[in-house]
Structure formats: structure tokens, C-alpha cells
Amino acid sequence: MKKMMALMATLMITLTACADRQQMIQFSELPAEAQSFVQKYYNVSDISYVEQEWDDMRYEYTVYLKNSTEMEFNHQGNLKSIDCKRSAIPEGIVSPAIASYVKEHYPNDFVVEYVIDYRRLKVELNNGWELIFDHNGNFLGMDD
């Protein structure tokens, strides 16, 4: 029984230590999907660094650009979020339905952050407002 408890304690400590593992990697080590996304919208020379993090038993990736833009990708290389701080997100990243909604209802503003969640999509405008949409681009409301 004591051996079993010691083994369990060792296993928990090991798993906890691995849970926070972060490291810088080369752009070429990103999943192909993430590499294609970055190359489509940005110059690879604009990359400051790329980080790989072990989270929930999978790697996730963050690409940091020299202009402070941050892009997060899941283990498959699919975009999870992009934050351009005060700059407009490049055209084509935000879904067409959401881009049309923003253009129609907020003609003087633009999207600076885009978050893709399994239940919803969130955009933050340069005026600080956060808008929530479903995955079909239907407006659901505003976030605090």
C-alpha cells in the first residue's frame, strides 16, 4: 500500500511538472496549418519568436510578431486567437459574416482581436467593445 501511494505521489508530481512546460521553437517546427496561416497573412521575417506550450496533454503554439501581434494555435495548427493590439486584423481572417456585421454596425471601427472558442466567436473592436457571435456569424450580444 505504501509503495502504491509513493508511486501515485511521484506520478502526480511528474504530471504537474510537465503541465507548465514552455519552450521557444523555430517557425519550421509549427504544425503545417499554422505555418500556412502565418505565411498567408504576414511575412515570416516579422516573427519575433514562437513558443510551444504543453497544455491539457497537447502542445499549443503562440507566434509573437515584432509589431506585438500574438497568434495562438491548437495542436493541429488551427487558429485559436489573434490579437493585433491596436492594429486591424488582416482582411480574410475574421469570418465574412462577422466582418459584414462590424462594417454595417460599426463603420468607423475595426477588429483588433479575434477569439475562436468551441461555443462562440468573440471580436474586440478598436473602441474596446467585445462582440459575441455563434459559429454561423450570428450576433449574440456584447461581452463586459
N, C-alpha and C. Protein backbone atom coordinates (compact mmCIF):
# COMPACT_ATOMS: atom_id res chain seq x y z
N MET A 1 0.82 -1.20 0.00
CA MET A 1 0.00 0.00 0.00
C MET A 1 0.87 1.27 0.00
N LYS A 2 1.95 1.27 0.81
CA LYS A 2 2.84 2.42 0.87
C LYS A 2 3.54 2.62 -0.47
N LYS A 3 3.91 1.53 -1.12
CA LYS A 3 4.57 1.64 -2.42
C LYS A 3 3.62 2.24 -3.45
N MET A 4 2.37 1.82 -3.37
CA MET A 4 1.36 2.33 -4.29
C MET A 4 1.16 3.84 -4.08
N MET A 5 1.10 4.27 -2.84
CA MET A 5 0.92 5.69 -2.53
C MET A 5 2.14 6.49 -3.00
N ALA A 6 3.33 5.95 -2.79
CA ALA A 6 4.55 6.63 -3.23
C ALA A 6 4.58 6.75 -4.75
N LEU A 7 4.18 5.68 -5.43
CA LEU A 7 4.12 5.70 -6.89
C LEU A 7 3.12 6.74 -7.38
N MET A 8 1.96 6.79 -6.76
CA MET A 8 0.93 7.77 -7.13
C MET A 8 1.44 9.21 -6.90
N ALA A 9 2.10 9.44 -5.79
CA ALA A 9 2.62 10.78 -5.49
C ALA A 9 3.68 11.17 -6.51
N THR A 10 4.56 10.25 -6.87
CA THR A 10 5.58 10.52 -7.88
C THR A 10 4.95 10.83 -9.23
N LEU A 11 3.95 10.07 -9.59
CA LEU A 11 3.25 10.29 -10.85
C LEU A 11 2.59 11.66 -10.88
N MET A 12 1.94 12.06 -9.81
CA MET A 12 1.28 13.37 -9.75
C MET A 12 2.30 14.51 -9.86
N ILE A 13 3.42 14.37 -9.18
CA ILE A 13 4.46 15.41 -9.24
C ILE A 13 5.00 15.52 -10.65
N THR A 14 5.23 14.39 -11.30
CA THR A 14 5.75 14.38 -12.67
C THR A 14 4.77 15.02 -13.63
N LEU A 15 3.49 14.67 -13.52
CA LEU A 15 2.48 15.25 -14.40
C LEU A 15 2.33 16.74 -14.18
N THR A 16 2.40 17.19 -12.94
CA THR A 16 2.30 18.61 -12.63
C THR A 16 3.49 19.37 -13.20
N ALA A 17 4.68 18.79 -13.10
CA ALA A 17 5.87 19.44 -13.63
C ALA A 17 5.80 19.58 -15.14
N CYS A 18 5.24 18.58 -15.81
CA CYS A 18 5.13 18.62 -17.27
C CYS A 18 4.05 19.59 -17.74
N ALA A 19 3.08 19.88 -16.89
CA ALA A 19 1.93 20.70 -17.29
C ALA A 19 2.33 22.13 -17.62
N ASP A 20 3.42 22.62 -17.05
CA ASP A 20 3.82 24.00 -17.26
C ASP A 20 4.98 24.14 -18.24
N ARG A 21 5.23 23.13 -19.03
CA ARG A 21 6.39 23.15 -19.91
C ARG A 21 6.17 24.08 -21.09
N GLN A 22 7.04 25.09 -21.20
CA GLN A 22 7.03 26.04 -22.30
C GLN A 22 8.43 26.11 -22.86
N GLN A 23 8.52 26.28 -24.17
CA GLN A 23 9.82 26.46 -24.77
C GLN A 23 9.69 27.20 -26.08
N MET A 24 10.76 27.90 -26.43
CA MET A 24 10.79 28.58 -27.72
C MET A 24 11.19 27.55 -28.78
N ILE A 25 10.56 27.66 -29.95
CA ILE A 25 10.86 26.76 -31.06
C ILE A 25 11.06 27.58 -32.34
N GLN A 26 11.51 26.91 -33.36
CA GLN A 26 11.67 27.54 -34.67
C GLN A 26 10.32 27.58 -35.38
N PHE A 27 10.14 28.54 -36.26
CA PHE A 27 8.91 28.63 -37.05
C PHE A 27 8.63 27.33 -37.80
N SER A 28 9.66 26.70 -38.29
CA SER A 28 9.52 25.46 -39.05
C SER A 28 9.01 24.30 -38.22
N GLU A 29 9.01 24.43 -36.90
CA GLU A 29 8.51 23.38 -36.02
C GLU A 29 7.01 23.50 -35.73
N LEU A 30 6.41 24.59 -36.19
CA LEU A 30 4.95 24.74 -36.04
C LEU A 30 4.25 23.71 -36.92
N PRO A 31 3.03 23.31 -36.55
CA PRO A 31 2.25 22.46 -37.46
C PRO A 31 2.08 23.17 -38.81
N ALA A 32 2.00 22.39 -39.87
CA ALA A 32 1.91 22.94 -41.23
C ALA A 32 0.76 23.93 -41.39
N GLU A 33 -0.37 23.64 -40.78
CA GLU A 33 -1.54 24.53 -40.87
C GLU A 33 -1.22 25.92 -40.31
N ALA A 34 -0.53 25.97 -39.18
CA ALA A 34 -0.16 27.25 -38.57
C ALA A 34 0.87 27.98 -39.43
N GLN A 35 1.83 27.25 -39.96
CA GLN A 35 2.82 27.88 -40.84
C GLN A 35 2.14 28.52 -42.05
N SER A 36 1.21 27.80 -42.66
CA SER A 36 0.49 28.33 -43.83
C SER A 36 -0.29 29.58 -43.48
N PHE A 37 -0.95 29.57 -42.32
CA PHE A 37 -1.74 30.72 -41.89
C PHE A 37 -0.84 31.95 -41.75
N VAL A 38 0.26 31.80 -41.02
CA VAL A 38 1.16 32.93 -40.80
C VAL A 38 1.71 33.44 -42.13
N GLN A 39 2.14 32.55 -43.00
CA GLN A 39 2.71 32.95 -44.28
C GLN A 39 1.68 33.62 -45.19
N LYS A 40 0.42 33.26 -45.03
CA LYS A 40 -0.63 33.86 -45.85
C LYS A 40 -0.87 35.33 -45.49
N TYR A 41 -0.78 35.65 -44.18
CA TYR A 41 -1.14 36.99 -43.73
C TYR A 41 0.03 37.87 -43.30
N TYR A 42 1.19 37.27 -43.07
CA TYR A 42 2.34 38.03 -42.57
C TYR A 42 3.62 37.54 -43.24
N ASN A 43 4.68 38.32 -43.10
CA ASN A 43 6.00 37.91 -43.56
C ASN A 43 6.68 37.15 -42.42
N VAL A 44 7.30 36.05 -42.74
CA VAL A 44 8.00 35.27 -41.73
C VAL A 44 9.08 36.12 -41.05
N SER A 45 9.64 37.07 -41.77
CA SER A 45 10.67 37.95 -41.20
C SER A 45 10.12 38.85 -40.10
N ASP A 46 8.78 38.98 -40.01
CA ASP A 46 8.15 39.80 -38.98
C ASP A 46 8.00 39.06 -37.65
N ILE A 47 8.35 37.77 -37.62
CA ILE A 47 8.20 36.97 -36.40
C ILE A 47 9.30 37.32 -35.41
N SER A 48 8.90 37.59 -34.19
CA SER A 48 9.86 37.83 -33.12
C SER A 48 10.31 36.49 -32.53
N TYR A 49 9.33 35.65 -32.14
CA TYR A 49 9.64 34.31 -31.67
C TYR A 49 8.37 33.46 -31.64
N VAL A 50 8.57 32.14 -31.51
CA VAL A 50 7.47 31.17 -31.47
C VAL A 50 7.63 30.37 -30.20
N GLU A 51 6.52 30.17 -29.51
CA GLU A 51 6.53 29.44 -28.25
C GLU A 51 5.65 28.21 -28.35
N GLN A 52 6.13 27.11 -27.77
CA GLN A 52 5.37 25.87 -27.71
C GLN A 52 5.09 25.61 -26.23
N GLU A 53 3.85 25.29 -25.91
CA GLU A 53 3.47 25.04 -24.52
C GLU A 53 2.69 23.74 -24.42
N TRP A 54 3.05 22.93 -23.44
CA TRP A 54 2.33 21.68 -23.17
C TRP A 54 1.16 22.05 -22.29
N ASP A 55 -0.07 21.85 -22.79
CA ASP A 55 -1.27 22.24 -22.07
C ASP A 55 -2.36 21.21 -22.32
N ASP A 56 -2.96 20.71 -21.27
CA ASP A 56 -4.04 19.72 -21.39
C ASP A 56 -3.63 18.52 -22.24
N MET A 57 -2.43 18.04 -22.01
CA MET A 57 -1.91 16.84 -22.67
C MET A 57 -1.67 17.02 -24.17
N ARG A 58 -1.55 18.26 -24.60
CA ARG A 58 -1.28 18.57 -26.01
C ARG A 58 -0.43 19.82 -26.09
N TYR A 59 0.29 19.94 -27.18
CA TYR A 59 1.03 21.17 -27.41
C TYR A 59 0.13 22.23 -28.01
N GLU A 60 0.35 23.45 -27.58
CA GLU A 60 -0.27 24.62 -28.19
C GLU A 60 0.85 25.58 -28.54
N TYR A 61 0.59 26.47 -29.47
CA TYR A 61 1.64 27.32 -30.01
C TYR A 61 1.21 28.78 -30.01
N THR A 62 2.16 29.66 -29.75
CA THR A 62 1.92 31.10 -29.84
C THR A 62 3.02 31.70 -30.71
N VAL A 63 2.60 32.48 -31.69
CA VAL A 63 3.54 33.19 -32.56
C VAL A 63 3.47 34.67 -32.18
N TYR A 64 4.63 35.24 -31.88
CA TYR A 64 4.72 36.64 -31.50
C TYR A 64 5.41 37.40 -32.64
N LEU A 65 4.77 38.46 -33.10
CA LEU A 65 5.36 39.28 -34.16
C LEU A 65 6.04 40.50 -33.56
N LYS A 66 6.91 41.10 -34.33
CA LYS A 66 7.65 42.28 -33.88
C LYS A 66 6.74 43.47 -33.60
N ASN A 67 5.56 43.51 -34.23
CA ASN A 67 4.62 44.62 -34.00
C ASN A 67 3.67 44.36 -32.83
N SER A 68 3.96 43.35 -32.00
CA SER A 68 3.20 42.96 -30.80
C SER A 68 1.98 42.09 -31.09
N THR A 69 1.73 41.75 -32.34
CA THR A 69 0.64 40.83 -32.66
C THR A 69 0.96 39.45 -32.09
N GLU A 70 -0.07 38.81 -31.52
CA GLU A 70 0.07 37.46 -31.00
C GLU A 70 -0.98 36.57 -31.64
N MET A 71 -0.55 35.39 -32.09
CA MET A 71 -1.45 34.40 -32.66
C MET A 71 -1.31 33.09 -31.89
N GLU A 72 -2.43 32.52 -31.47
CA GLU A 72 -2.41 31.25 -30.76
C GLU A 72 -3.01 30.17 -31.66
N PHE A 73 -2.37 29.00 -31.66
CA PHE A 73 -2.80 27.87 -32.47
C PHE A 73 -2.92 26.62 -31.59
N ASN A 74 -3.87 25.75 -31.93
CA ASN A 74 -4.00 24.50 -31.19
C ASN A 74 -2.98 23.48 -31.70
N HIS A 75 -3.05 22.28 -31.17
CA HIS A 75 -2.07 21.24 -31.50
C HIS A 75 -2.08 20.85 -32.98
N GLN A 76 -3.18 21.10 -33.66
CA GLN A 76 -3.27 20.77 -35.08
C GLN A 76 -2.85 21.95 -35.97
N GLY A 77 -2.62 23.10 -35.35
CA GLY A 77 -2.23 24.28 -36.10
C GLY A 77 -3.40 25.16 -36.49
N ASN A 78 -4.58 24.90 -35.94
CA ASN A 78 -5.75 25.73 -36.22
C ASN A 78 -5.71 26.97 -35.32
N LEU A 79 -6.08 28.10 -35.90
CA LEU A 79 -6.08 29.35 -35.15
C LEU A 79 -7.06 29.29 -34.00
N LYS A 80 -6.59 29.70 -32.81
CA LYS A 80 -7.45 29.84 -31.63
C LYS A 80 -7.76 31.30 -31.37
N SER A 81 -6.76 32.15 -31.59
CA SER A 81 -6.97 33.59 -31.38
C SER A 81 -5.86 34.38 -32.06
N ILE A 82 -6.20 35.62 -32.34
CA ILE A 82 -5.22 36.58 -32.85
C ILE A 82 -5.51 37.91 -32.19
N ASP A 83 -4.47 38.54 -31.68
CA ASP A 83 -4.60 39.83 -31.02
C ASP A 83 -3.59 40.78 -31.64
N CYS A 84 -4.09 41.77 -32.37
CA CYS A 84 -3.24 42.75 -33.04
C CYS A 84 -3.09 44.03 -32.23
N LYS A 85 -3.50 43.97 -30.97
CA LYS A 85 -3.42 45.11 -30.05
C LYS A 85 -4.24 46.29 -30.56
N ARG A 86 -3.64 47.24 -31.24
CA ARG A 86 -4.37 48.42 -31.72
C ARG A 86 -4.46 48.48 -33.24
N SER A 87 -3.94 47.46 -33.91
CA SER A 87 -3.99 47.42 -35.37
C SER A 87 -5.15 46.55 -35.84
N ALA A 88 -5.60 46.79 -37.05
CA ALA A 88 -6.69 45.99 -37.63
C ALA A 88 -6.17 44.60 -37.99
N ILE A 89 -6.98 43.60 -37.72
CA ILE A 89 -6.67 42.23 -38.13
C ILE A 89 -6.75 42.18 -39.66
N PRO A 90 -5.79 41.53 -40.31
CA PRO A 90 -5.82 41.47 -41.78
C PRO A 90 -7.14 40.91 -42.31
N GLU A 91 -7.58 41.48 -43.42
CA GLU A 91 -8.82 41.05 -44.06
C GLU A 91 -8.72 39.57 -44.44
N GLY A 92 -9.80 38.84 -44.18
CA GLY A 92 -9.84 37.43 -44.53
C GLY A 92 -9.70 36.50 -43.33
N ILE A 93 -9.24 37.03 -42.20
CA ILE A 93 -9.11 36.18 -41.01
C ILE A 93 -10.45 36.05 -40.30
N VAL A 94 -11.11 37.16 -40.07
CA VAL A 94 -12.43 37.15 -39.44
C VAL A 94 -13.45 36.67 -40.47
N SER A 95 -14.39 35.83 -40.03
CA SER A 95 -15.37 35.28 -40.96
C SER A 95 -16.12 36.40 -41.68
N PRO A 96 -16.51 36.17 -42.94
CA PRO A 96 -17.20 37.22 -43.72
C PRO A 96 -18.47 37.75 -43.05
N ALA A 97 -19.24 36.88 -42.41
CA ALA A 97 -20.48 37.32 -41.76
C ALA A 97 -20.18 38.31 -40.63
N ILE A 98 -19.15 38.01 -39.85
CA ILE A 98 -18.79 38.91 -38.74
C ILE A 98 -18.20 40.21 -39.28
N ALA A 99 -17.35 40.11 -40.28
CA ALA A 99 -16.77 41.32 -40.88
C ALA A 99 -17.86 42.23 -41.42
N SER A 100 -18.89 41.65 -42.07
CA SER A 100 -20.01 42.45 -42.59
C SER A 100 -20.80 43.10 -41.47
N TYR A 101 -21.03 42.35 -40.39
CA TYR A 101 -21.76 42.89 -39.24
C TYR A 101 -21.01 44.09 -38.66
N VAL A 102 -19.72 43.94 -38.46
CA VAL A 102 -18.92 45.02 -37.89
C VAL A 102 -18.94 46.23 -38.82
N LYS A 103 -18.77 46.01 -40.11
CA LYS A 103 -18.75 47.11 -41.07
C LYS A 103 -20.09 47.86 -41.10
N GLU A 104 -21.18 47.10 -41.00
CA GLU A 104 -22.51 47.71 -41.04
C GLU A 104 -22.85 48.47 -39.76
N HIS A 105 -22.56 47.89 -38.60
CA HIS A 105 -22.95 48.46 -37.32
C HIS A 105 -21.90 49.36 -36.67
N TYR A 106 -20.66 49.20 -37.06
CA TYR A 106 -19.57 50.00 -36.50
C TYR A 106 -18.65 50.46 -37.63
N PRO A 107 -19.16 51.30 -38.53
CA PRO A 107 -18.41 51.66 -39.74
C PRO A 107 -17.10 52.40 -39.47
N ASN A 108 -16.96 53.02 -38.32
CA ASN A 108 -15.74 53.77 -38.01
C ASN A 108 -14.74 52.96 -37.18
N ASP A 109 -15.06 51.70 -36.91
CA ASP A 109 -14.20 50.88 -36.06
C ASP A 109 -13.72 49.64 -36.82
N PHE A 110 -12.78 48.92 -36.22
CA PHE A 110 -12.25 47.71 -36.85
C PHE A 110 -11.91 46.68 -35.77
N VAL A 111 -11.75 45.44 -36.20
CA VAL A 111 -11.47 44.33 -35.29
C VAL A 111 -9.97 44.30 -34.98
N VAL A 112 -9.64 44.25 -33.67
CA VAL A 112 -8.25 44.15 -33.24
C VAL A 112 -7.93 42.80 -32.60
N GLU A 113 -8.99 42.09 -32.18
CA GLU A 113 -8.78 40.77 -31.58
C GLU A 113 -9.90 39.83 -32.01
N TYR A 114 -9.55 38.58 -32.26
CA TYR A 114 -10.50 37.57 -32.72
C TYR A 114 -10.20 36.29 -31.96
N VAL A 115 -11.21 35.77 -31.24
CA VAL A 115 -11.04 34.56 -30.43
C VAL A 115 -12.04 33.52 -30.90
N ILE A 116 -11.53 32.33 -31.21
CA ILE A 116 -12.36 31.23 -31.67
C ILE A 116 -12.48 30.23 -30.53
N ASP A 117 -13.67 30.10 -30.00
CA ASP A 117 -13.96 29.18 -28.91
C ASP A 117 -14.82 28.06 -29.46
N TYR A 118 -14.89 26.96 -28.77
CA TYR A 118 -15.71 25.86 -29.28
C TYR A 118 -17.20 26.19 -29.27
N ARG A 119 -17.63 27.16 -28.47
CA ARG A 119 -19.04 27.53 -28.43
C ARG A 119 -19.37 28.82 -29.14
N ARG A 120 -18.39 29.71 -29.25
CA ARG A 120 -18.68 31.03 -29.80
C ARG A 120 -17.43 31.67 -30.36
N LEU A 121 -17.63 32.79 -31.03
CA LEU A 121 -16.55 33.61 -31.57
C LEU A 121 -16.64 34.98 -30.90
N LYS A 122 -15.51 35.55 -30.60
CA LYS A 122 -15.51 36.86 -29.96
C LYS A 122 -14.58 37.78 -30.75
N VAL A 123 -15.04 38.99 -30.99
CA VAL A 123 -14.18 40.01 -31.58
C VAL A 123 -14.14 41.21 -30.65
N GLU A 124 -12.96 41.81 -30.57
CA GLU A 124 -12.83 43.06 -29.86
C GLU A 124 -12.54 44.14 -30.88
N LEU A 125 -13.25 45.24 -30.76
CA LEU A 125 -13.06 46.37 -31.67
C LEU A 125 -12.04 47.34 -31.10
N ASN A 126 -11.54 48.21 -31.95
CA ASN A 126 -10.55 49.20 -31.50
C ASN A 126 -11.13 50.16 -30.48
N ASN A 127 -12.46 50.24 -30.36
CA ASN A 127 -13.08 51.10 -29.35
C ASN A 127 -13.22 50.40 -28.00
N GLY A 128 -12.75 49.13 -27.93
CA GLY A 128 -12.79 48.37 -26.67
C GLY A 128 -14.02 47.49 -26.51
N TRP A 129 -15.00 47.61 -27.37
CA TRP A 129 -16.20 46.79 -27.26
C TRP A 129 -15.91 45.37 -27.71
N GLU A 130 -16.51 44.40 -27.01
CA GLU A 130 -16.36 43.00 -27.36
C GLU A 130 -17.71 42.46 -27.82
N LEU A 131 -17.73 41.91 -29.02
CA LEU A 131 -18.96 41.38 -29.61
C LEU A 131 -18.86 39.85 -29.67
N ILE A 132 -19.97 39.19 -29.38
CA ILE A 132 -20.02 37.73 -29.35
C ILE A 132 -20.90 37.24 -30.50
N PHE A 133 -20.43 36.19 -31.19
CA PHE A 133 -21.15 35.60 -32.32
C PHE A 133 -21.16 34.08 -32.17
N ASP A 134 -22.15 33.44 -32.81
CA ASP A 134 -22.09 31.99 -32.90
C ASP A 134 -21.20 31.62 -34.08
N HIS A 135 -21.01 30.33 -34.31
CA HIS A 135 -20.10 29.91 -35.39
C HIS A 135 -20.67 30.13 -36.78
N ASN A 136 -21.94 30.53 -36.88
CA ASN A 136 -22.53 30.89 -38.17
C ASN A 136 -22.43 32.39 -38.43
N GLY A 137 -21.85 33.12 -37.48
CA GLY A 137 -21.70 34.56 -37.65
C GLY A 137 -22.88 35.37 -37.17
N ASN A 138 -23.82 34.73 -36.46
CA ASN A 138 -24.97 35.44 -35.93
C ASN A 138 -24.58 36.16 -34.64
N PHE A 139 -24.93 37.44 -34.56
CA PHE A 139 -24.63 38.25 -33.38
C PHE A 139 -25.42 37.74 -32.18
N LEU A 140 -24.71 37.50 -31.06
CA LEU A 140 -25.36 37.02 -29.84
C LEU A 140 -25.44 38.08 -28.76
N GLY A 141 -24.54 39.03 -28.78
CA GLY A 141 -24.56 40.06 -27.75
C GLY A 141 -23.18 40.65 -27.53
N MET A 142 -23.09 41.44 -26.46
CA MET A 142 -21.82 42.08 -26.12
C MET A 142 -21.30 41.48 -24.84
N ASP A 143 -19.98 41.47 -24.72
CA ASP A 143 -19.33 40.96 -23.52
C ASP A 143 -18.90 42.15 -22.67
N ASP A 144 -18.84 41.94 -21.38
CA ASP A 144 -18.43 43.02 -20.47
C ASP A 144 -16.95 43.28 -20.55
